[in-house]
Amino acid sequence: MIIFLIFSSIFAYEKYMIAFITAAYVFCCLIYFVKHHGELKEMFIWKDRDENEV
């Protein structure tokens, strides 16, 4: 039901709803970033493997 309301409002108020959905997406991404800041600090720190491990 909610998806139907979103799609119908996109077709009725296209330029406003696309801007609203984009703004909502960016806002949710910023909230996620602030809540989970620093959890994956070591994700891209590559450690060399010993040759014996392979």
PDB file of N, CA and C in Angstrom:
ATOM      1  N   MET A   1       0.825  -1.189   0.000  1.00  0.00           N
ATOM      2  CA  MET A   1       0.000   0.000   0.000  1.00  0.00           C
ATOM      3  C   MET A   1       0.876   1.263   0.000  1.00  0.00           C
ATOM      4  N   ILE A   2       1.909   1.236   0.818  1.00  0.00           N
ATOM      5  CA  ILE A   2       2.793   2.400   0.909  1.00  0.00           C
ATOM      6  C   ILE A   2       3.526   2.610  -0.422  1.00  0.00           C
ATOM      7  N   ILE A   3       3.944   1.508  -1.033  1.00  0.00           N
ATOM      8  CA  ILE A   3       4.644   1.620  -2.312  1.00  0.00           C
ATOM      9  C   ILE A   3       3.719   2.207  -3.373  1.00  0.00           C
ATOM     10  N   PHE A   4       2.448   1.786  -3.377  1.00  0.00           N
ATOM     11  CA  PHE A   4       1.483   2.347  -4.318  1.00  0.00           C
ATOM     12  C   PHE A   4       1.324   3.851  -4.108  1.00  0.00           C
ATOM     13  N   LEU A   5       1.246   4.289  -2.861  1.00  0.00           N
ATOM     14  CA  LEU A   5       1.132   5.726  -2.576  1.00  0.00           C
ATOM     15  C   LEU A   5       2.364   6.496  -3.043  1.00  0.00           C
ATOM     16  N   ILE A   6       3.536   5.917  -2.848  1.00  0.00           N
ATOM     17  CA  ILE A   6       4.768   6.581  -3.283  1.00  0.00           C
ATOM     18  C   ILE A   6       4.810   6.703  -4.802  1.00  0.00           C
ATOM     19  N   PHE A   7       4.502   5.600  -5.504  1.00  0.00           N
ATOM     20  CA  PHE A   7       4.542   5.644  -6.969  1.00  0.00           C
ATOM     21  C   PHE A   7       3.471   6.566  -7.545  1.00  0.00           C
ATOM     22  N   SER A   8       2.283   6.551  -6.955  1.00  0.00           N
ATOM     23  CA  SER A   8       1.234   7.433  -7.470  1.00  0.00           C
ATOM     24  C   SER A   8       1.569   8.896  -7.209  1.00  0.00           C
ATOM     25  N   SER A   9       2.176   9.196  -6.078  1.00  0.00           N
ATOM     26  CA  SER A   9       2.564  10.578  -5.812  1.00  0.00           C
ATOM     27  C   SER A   9       3.737  11.009  -6.696  1.00  0.00           C
ATOM     28  N   ILE A  10       4.605  10.054  -7.081  1.00  0.00           N
ATOM     29  CA  ILE A  10       5.683  10.392  -8.010  1.00  0.00           C
ATOM     30  C   ILE A  10       5.099  10.806  -9.356  1.00  0.00           C
ATOM     31  N   PHE A  11       4.103  10.074  -9.829  1.00  0.00           N
ATOM     32  CA  PHE A  11       3.509  10.425 -11.114  1.00  0.00           C
ATOM     33  C   PHE A  11       2.707  11.716 -11.036  1.00  0.00           C
ATOM     34  N   ALA A  12       2.062  11.981  -9.902  1.00  0.00           N
ATOM     35  CA  ALA A  12       1.243  13.184  -9.778  1.00  0.00           C
ATOM     36  C   ALA A  12       2.108  14.430  -9.576  1.00  0.00           C
ATOM     37  N   TYR A  13       3.104  14.337  -8.710  1.00  0.00           N
ATOM     38  CA  TYR A  13       3.950  15.488  -8.378  1.00  0.00           C
ATOM     39  C   TYR A  13       5.409  15.126  -8.660  1.00  0.00           C
ATOM     40  N   GLU A  14       5.716  14.891  -9.909  1.00  0.00           N
ATOM     41  CA  GLU A  14       7.000  14.309 -10.289  1.00  0.00           C
ATOM     42  C   GLU A  14       8.200  15.118  -9.805  1.00  0.00           C
ATOM     43  N   LYS A  15       8.235  16.403 -10.122  1.00  0.00           N
ATOM     44  CA  LYS A  15       9.457  17.154  -9.800  1.00  0.00           C
ATOM     45  C   LYS A  15       9.633  17.349  -8.298  1.00  0.00           C
ATOM     46  N   TYR A  16       8.531  17.394  -7.549  1.00  0.00           N
ATOM     47  CA  TYR A  16       8.659  17.549  -6.093  1.00  0.00           C
ATOM     48  C   TYR A  16       9.015  16.230  -5.413  1.00  0.00           C
ATOM     49  N   MET A  17       8.401  15.157  -5.871  1.00  0.00           N
ATOM     50  CA  MET A  17       8.630  13.873  -5.212  1.00  0.00           C
ATOM     51  C   MET A  17      10.032  13.327  -5.492  1.00  0.00           C
ATOM     52  N   ILE A  18      10.547  13.528  -6.695  1.00  0.00           N
ATOM     53  CA  ILE A  18      11.897  13.049  -6.976  1.00  0.00           C
ATOM     54  C   ILE A  18      12.901  13.808  -6.116  1.00  0.00           C
ATOM     55  N   ALA A  19      12.694  15.099  -5.958  1.00  0.00           N
ATOM     56  CA  ALA A  19      13.574  15.882  -5.078  1.00  0.00           C
ATOM     57  C   ALA A  19      13.415  15.437  -3.622  1.00  0.00           C
ATOM     58  N   PHE A  20      12.180  15.147  -3.213  1.00  0.00           N
ATOM     59  CA  PHE A  20      11.938  14.707  -1.835  1.00  0.00           C
ATOM     60  C   PHE A  20      12.572  13.339  -1.571  1.00  0.00           C
ATOM     61  N   ILE A  21      12.411  12.412  -2.509  1.00  0.00           N
ATOM     62  CA  ILE A  21      12.989  11.074  -2.324  1.00  0.00           C
ATOM     63  C   ILE A  21      14.511  11.142  -2.303  1.00  0.00           C
ATOM     64  N   THR A  22      15.090  11.955  -3.172  1.00  0.00           N
ATOM     65  CA  THR A  22      16.546  12.114  -3.179  1.00  0.00           C
ATOM     66  C   THR A  22      17.031  12.723  -1.873  1.00  0.00           C
ATOM     67  N   ALA A  23      16.334  13.742  -1.386  1.00  0.00           N
ATOM     68  CA  ALA A  23      16.713  14.380  -0.117  1.00  0.00           C
ATOM     69  C   ALA A  23      16.554  13.403   1.050  1.00  0.00           C
ATOM     70  N   ALA A  24      15.497  12.615   1.043  1.00  0.00           N
ATOM     71  CA  ALA A  24      15.287  11.630   2.113  1.00  0.00           C
ATOM     72  C   ALA A  24      16.385  10.572   2.093  1.00  0.00           C
ATOM     73  N   TYR A  25      16.788  10.133   0.899  1.00  0.00           N
ATOM     74  CA  TYR A  25      17.853   9.142   0.775  1.00  0.00           C
ATOM     75  C   TYR A  25      19.175   9.689   1.312  1.00  0.00           C
ATOM     76  N   VAL A  26      19.510  10.907   0.932  1.00  0.00           N
ATOM     77  CA  VAL A  26      20.753  11.523   1.402  1.00  0.00           C
ATOM     78  C   VAL A  26      20.719  11.714   2.911  1.00  0.00           C
ATOM     79  N   PHE A  27      19.586  12.152   3.434  1.00  0.00           N
ATOM     80  CA  PHE A  27      19.442  12.355   4.879  1.00  0.00           C
ATOM     81  C   PHE A  27      19.605  11.033   5.631  1.00  0.00           C
ATOM     82  N   CYS A  28      18.996   9.964   5.124  1.00  0.00           N
ATOM     83  CA  CYS A  28      19.132   8.654   5.775  1.00  0.00           C
ATOM     84  C   CYS A  28      20.565   8.143   5.706  1.00  0.00           C
ATOM     85  N   CYS A  29      21.244   8.397   4.590  1.00  0.00           N
ATOM     86  CA  CYS A  29      22.651   7.999   4.477  1.00  0.00           C
ATOM     87  C   CYS A  29      23.531   8.754   5.472  1.00  0.00           C
ATOM     88  N   LEU A  30      23.250  10.028   5.667  1.00  0.00           N
ATOM     89  CA  LEU A  30      24.019  10.811   6.640  1.00  0.00           C
ATOM     90  C   LEU A  30      23.771  10.322   8.058  1.00  0.00           C
ATOM     91  N   ILE A  31      22.529   9.987   8.373  1.00  0.00           N
ATOM     92  CA  ILE A  31      22.227   9.445   9.703  1.00  0.00           C
ATOM     93  C   ILE A  31      22.960   8.129   9.920  1.00  0.00           C
ATOM     94  N   TYR A  32      22.954   7.259   8.903  1.00  0.00           N
ATOM     95  CA  TYR A  32      23.671   5.986   9.003  1.00  0.00           C
ATOM     96  C   TYR A  32      25.166   6.220   9.210  1.00  0.00           C
ATOM     97  N   PHE A  33      25.726   7.168   8.467  1.00  0.00           N
ATOM     98  CA  PHE A  33      27.150   7.458   8.595  1.00  0.00           C
ATOM     99  C   PHE A  33      27.488   7.948   9.999  1.00  0.00           C
ATOM    100  N   VAL A  34      26.663   8.822  10.546  1.00  0.00           N
ATOM    101  CA  VAL A  34      26.934   9.355  11.880  1.00  0.00           C
ATOM    102  C   VAL A  34      26.800   8.264  12.937  1.00  0.00           C
ATOM    103  N   LYS A  35      25.806   7.393  12.804  1.00  0.00           N
ATOM    104  CA  LYS A  35      25.600   6.336  13.795  1.00  0.00           C
ATOM    105  C   LYS A  35      26.693   5.282  13.758  1.00  0.00           C
ATOM    106  N   HIS A  36      27.217   4.976  12.571  1.00  0.00           N
ATOM    107  CA  HIS A  36      28.185   3.889  12.429  1.00  0.00           C
ATOM    108  C   HIS A  36      29.584   4.399  12.099  1.00  0.00           C
ATOM    109  N   HIS A  37      29.871   5.616  12.405  1.00  0.00           N
ATOM    110  CA  HIS A  37      31.170   6.213  12.096  1.00  0.00           C
ATOM    111  C   HIS A  37      32.281   5.495  12.860  1.00  0.00           C
ATOM    112  N   GLY A  38      33.270   5.048  12.142  1.00  0.00           N
ATOM    113  CA  GLY A  38      34.438   4.438  12.769  1.00  0.00           C
ATOM    114  C   GLY A  38      34.334   2.943  12.995  1.00  0.00           C
ATOM    115  N   GLU A  39      33.209   2.308  12.697  1.00  0.00           N
ATOM    116  CA  GLU A  39      33.096   0.874  12.942  1.00  0.00           C
ATOM    117  C   GLU A  39      33.969   0.057  12.000  1.00  0.00           C
ATOM    118  N   LEU A  40      34.143   0.523  10.793  1.00  0.00           N
ATOM    119  CA  LEU A  40      34.899  -0.247   9.802  1.00  0.00           C
ATOM    120  C   LEU A  40      36.214   0.434   9.441  1.00  0.00           C
ATOM    121  N   LYS A  41      36.876   0.977  10.430  1.00  0.00           N
ATOM    122  CA  LYS A  41      38.135   1.686  10.173  1.00  0.00           C
ATOM    123  C   LYS A  41      39.191   0.789   9.549  1.00  0.00           C
ATOM    124  N   GLU A  42      39.223  -0.452   9.970  1.00  0.00           N
ATOM    125  CA  GLU A  42      40.286  -1.356   9.520  1.00  0.00           C
ATOM    126  C   GLU A  42      39.890  -2.162   8.293  1.00  0.00           C
ATOM    127  N   MET A  43      38.835  -1.799   7.643  1.00  0.00           N
ATOM    128  CA  MET A  43      38.356  -2.576   6.504  1.00  0.00           C
ATOM    129  C   MET A  43      39.363  -2.590   5.353  1.00  0.00           C
ATOM    130  N   PHE A  44      39.999  -1.472   5.092  1.00  0.00           N
ATOM    131  CA  PHE A  44      40.895  -1.377   3.950  1.00  0.00           C
ATOM    132  C   PHE A  44      42.360  -1.342   4.344  1.00  0.00           C
ATOM    133  N   ILE A  45      42.666  -1.823   5.528  1.00  0.00           N
ATOM    134  CA  ILE A  45      44.061  -1.963   5.940  1.00  0.00           C
ATOM    135  C   ILE A  45      44.484  -3.383   5.581  1.00  0.00           C
ATOM    136  N   TRP A  46      45.315  -3.478   4.578  1.00  0.00           N
ATOM    137  CA  TRP A  46      45.723  -4.785   4.087  1.00  0.00           C
ATOM    138  C   TRP A  46      46.970  -5.240   4.837  1.00  0.00           C
ATOM    139  N   LYS A  47      46.917  -6.456   5.329  1.00  0.00           N
ATOM    140  CA  LYS A  47      48.057  -7.030   6.018  1.00  0.00           C
ATOM    141  C   LYS A  47      48.690  -8.061   5.094  1.00  0.00           C
ATOM    142  N   ASP A  48      50.016  -8.037   5.041  1.00  0.00           N
ATOM    143  CA  ASP A  48      50.717  -9.013   4.203  1.00  0.00           C
ATOM    144  C   ASP A  48      50.639 -10.374   4.846  1.00  0.00           C
ATOM    145  N   ARG A  49      50.356 -11.359   4.016  1.00  0.00           N
ATOM    146  CA  ARG A  49      50.324 -12.740   4.503  1.00  0.00           C
ATOM    147  C   ARG A  49      51.734 -13.322   4.454  1.00  0.00           C
ATOM    148  N   ASP A  50      51.959 -14.228   5.340  1.00  0.00           N
ATOM    149  CA  ASP A  50      53.213 -14.972   5.268  1.00  0.00           C
ATOM    150  C   ASP A  50      53.129 -15.931   4.090  1.00  0.00           C
ATOM    151  N   GLU A  51      54.259 -16.226   3.488  1.00  0.00           N
ATOM    152  CA  GLU A  51      54.252 -17.140   2.346  1.00  0.00           C
ATOM    153  C   GLU A  51      53.866 -18.544   2.765  1.00  0.00           C
ATOM    154  N   ASN A  52      54.046 -18.902   4.011  1.00  0.00           N
ATOM    155  CA  ASN A  52      53.711 -20.238   4.475  1.00  0.00           C
ATOM    156  C   ASN A  52      52.202 -20.441   4.655  1.00  0.00           C
ATOM    157  N   GLU A  53      51.452 -19.355   4.785  1.00  0.00           N
ATOM    158  CA  GLU A  53      50.016 -19.471   5.023  1.00  0.00           C
ATOM    159  C   GLU A  53      49.259 -19.883   3.780  1.00  0.00           C
ATOM    160  N   VAL A  54      49.809 -19.589   2.614  1.00  0.00           N
ATOM    161  CA  VAL A  54      49.075 -19.842   1.367  1.00  0.00           C
ATOM    162  C   VAL A  54      49.084 -21.262   0.983  1.00  0.00           C
TER     163      VAL A  54
END
